[in-house]
Amino acid sequence: MRAVVAEQCTGRSPHGVVAAAAPLAAALGAQCLRDGGNVFDAVTVAALAETVLLPPKCGLGGDLVALVVRDGQSRPEALIAVGGAPRRLAALAAAGRMTVDGPTSVGVPAAAAGYAALSELGVFDRSRHAEGAIRAATTGFAWSKVCTLLTTLSTSLLTAQNPAGTVYLPGGSPIASGAVTRLPGLAKVLDEWVVRGAGLMTGPVGRAVVDAVQSRAGVLEMDDLADYGGAVWKACDESRVGGHRVWTTPAPTHGPVLLDALGGLGDLGSLTAARTYRSVVGAVERFRIRNGESVADGGTSIVSGVDRHGNMAVVIHSNSFPRFGSGLVVDGLDLILANRAGRGFSSRVGSRNFPEAGRRPSTTLHAWAVAREGSPAVAVGGTPGGINQVPWNTQLMADLIRSETWPSDAVVTPRWELMPSHAGIRVEEDFSPHDVVALAVEEPRLEWAGPLGLRSAQQVVVRGDACGSMIASADPRTVGAVVPA
């Protein structure tokens, strides 16, 4: 059965492939490739579509990280579009008044700058990139089952933060799965992004965001949006594992934590699940000690792709944890504001993760690339999933490196994950019995999940197989799609 599922969640084409958490987003991205765009056009199209199709998870009120590999370059580049701390947030945090949701959790959104930076690598303009998203927001789309679930789980948060009501709770109840939904406010925001690009938050949209936050006693100001909402290209962190080079997005992402976990695996030829567990837990704990506390991101989505030239990209964009971010929805714009600041920063004065003005908060978001020693990067990937991004990515990358398995096989291999609040581990029931026994020695608090029963959403993109096709695979555990061009 896993072999069948693996084939169903994989796409191959010499012209390129796009993967996304929302099937329509993947289809729009693939169409962009067919129309002559490159992968940077395609992932921008798909990501913007997801801001409409999956608003509890991602949007222009949030942030993103990306990793790209340009044809002809031997090393990938990282894009960090995570907003810095507002100027007045430090005093709020020091007084113990920074919260994990609500107005005092809102920081500076940087997603608009991130989408604009990706757009600039494409051959089309921003109007083409936003066209599909605007059409969906204006003419309507089918509300997904996952959005209904996430809204149901967030009804109390949305009601508390939007007492006058919100488009996401019509009549006070979640939108039904499959209901034709229109979000004209998001269409207005996207129209403004087409005009302003990275400067979206310096115009009327930013003014509306600040007014919404300040009217609820938050500390965000227009100067914060202008000064701390940019995106920056950075060199990736790099290491060597099992005769391969591995790159990750750098801090403040969890890319360095992934490299730490991979570096502790030792000889991959004799790798066990227990050793992987020890290495992952050790890396996460070392991060916690360095930064003062752990962080969690769950309101997140992912798009990725590869084009016929071999350009590759993976984009992870987020409204932070756990869903609907801060809970604030900007009236008239349908724009959900993330709680990255409240969830990502530490209130401990002196911590390296304290919200000094302009500092970017730590985030579990990260993406990776891998190549055989001496070769250009040939595979990229990532996953949403909060603190389990590192465990899931470590397991998948170890499989890719030690056996050079197909990405389709890698995304369906049985996995384990960390349970919330250090409450043990959850293991898919078709894990090998030997590994389960070894894991139980390391962590006796073990809970079972069914086959493919975890909530990972990994995507893996490979540049060219032996037959010349580009390949992408999307984790079948959660809703997603891969569409060849």
Foldseek 3Di string as FASTA:
>chain_A
DLVVQLVAQKDKDLFKKKKWLDVVLRVLLQVCSVVPKFNLLSVLLSLLLCCQQQVQQFHQQFFKKKWKDDFPDQAIKIKGQFFAAAACLLVCLLVVNQAQFALSLFGAGQHLQVSLVSQVVMPDALCSSNVVNLCCQAVWDFRAPVLLVLCVVCLVLLCVRCVVDALCQVVSHGDDGGDTHHQNLQSVLSVLCSVQRSCSLLDPVVVLVVVSSVVRPHDDDSVSNVPTRHMDMDGWDWDDAQQKIKTKRDPLECRVLLVQLRVQQPDLVPGALLSSVVSNVVSQVVVCVQQVHFFWFASKIKMWMGGSSGMIMIMIGGLGPDTLANSHQRPSNRHRHHSCRSRFAHSDPPGPRRRNRNHGGRFHDMKMFMDRPPGGTFKIKFWHDISFRSQLVSQLVSCCNPPVDDSSSSLQPWGKGQDPPNQFIETEPPDDPVSVVSRCVVTVRYHYAYRLGDQIWMKMWGQQDPVSMTMMGTRPSHRMHMDHD
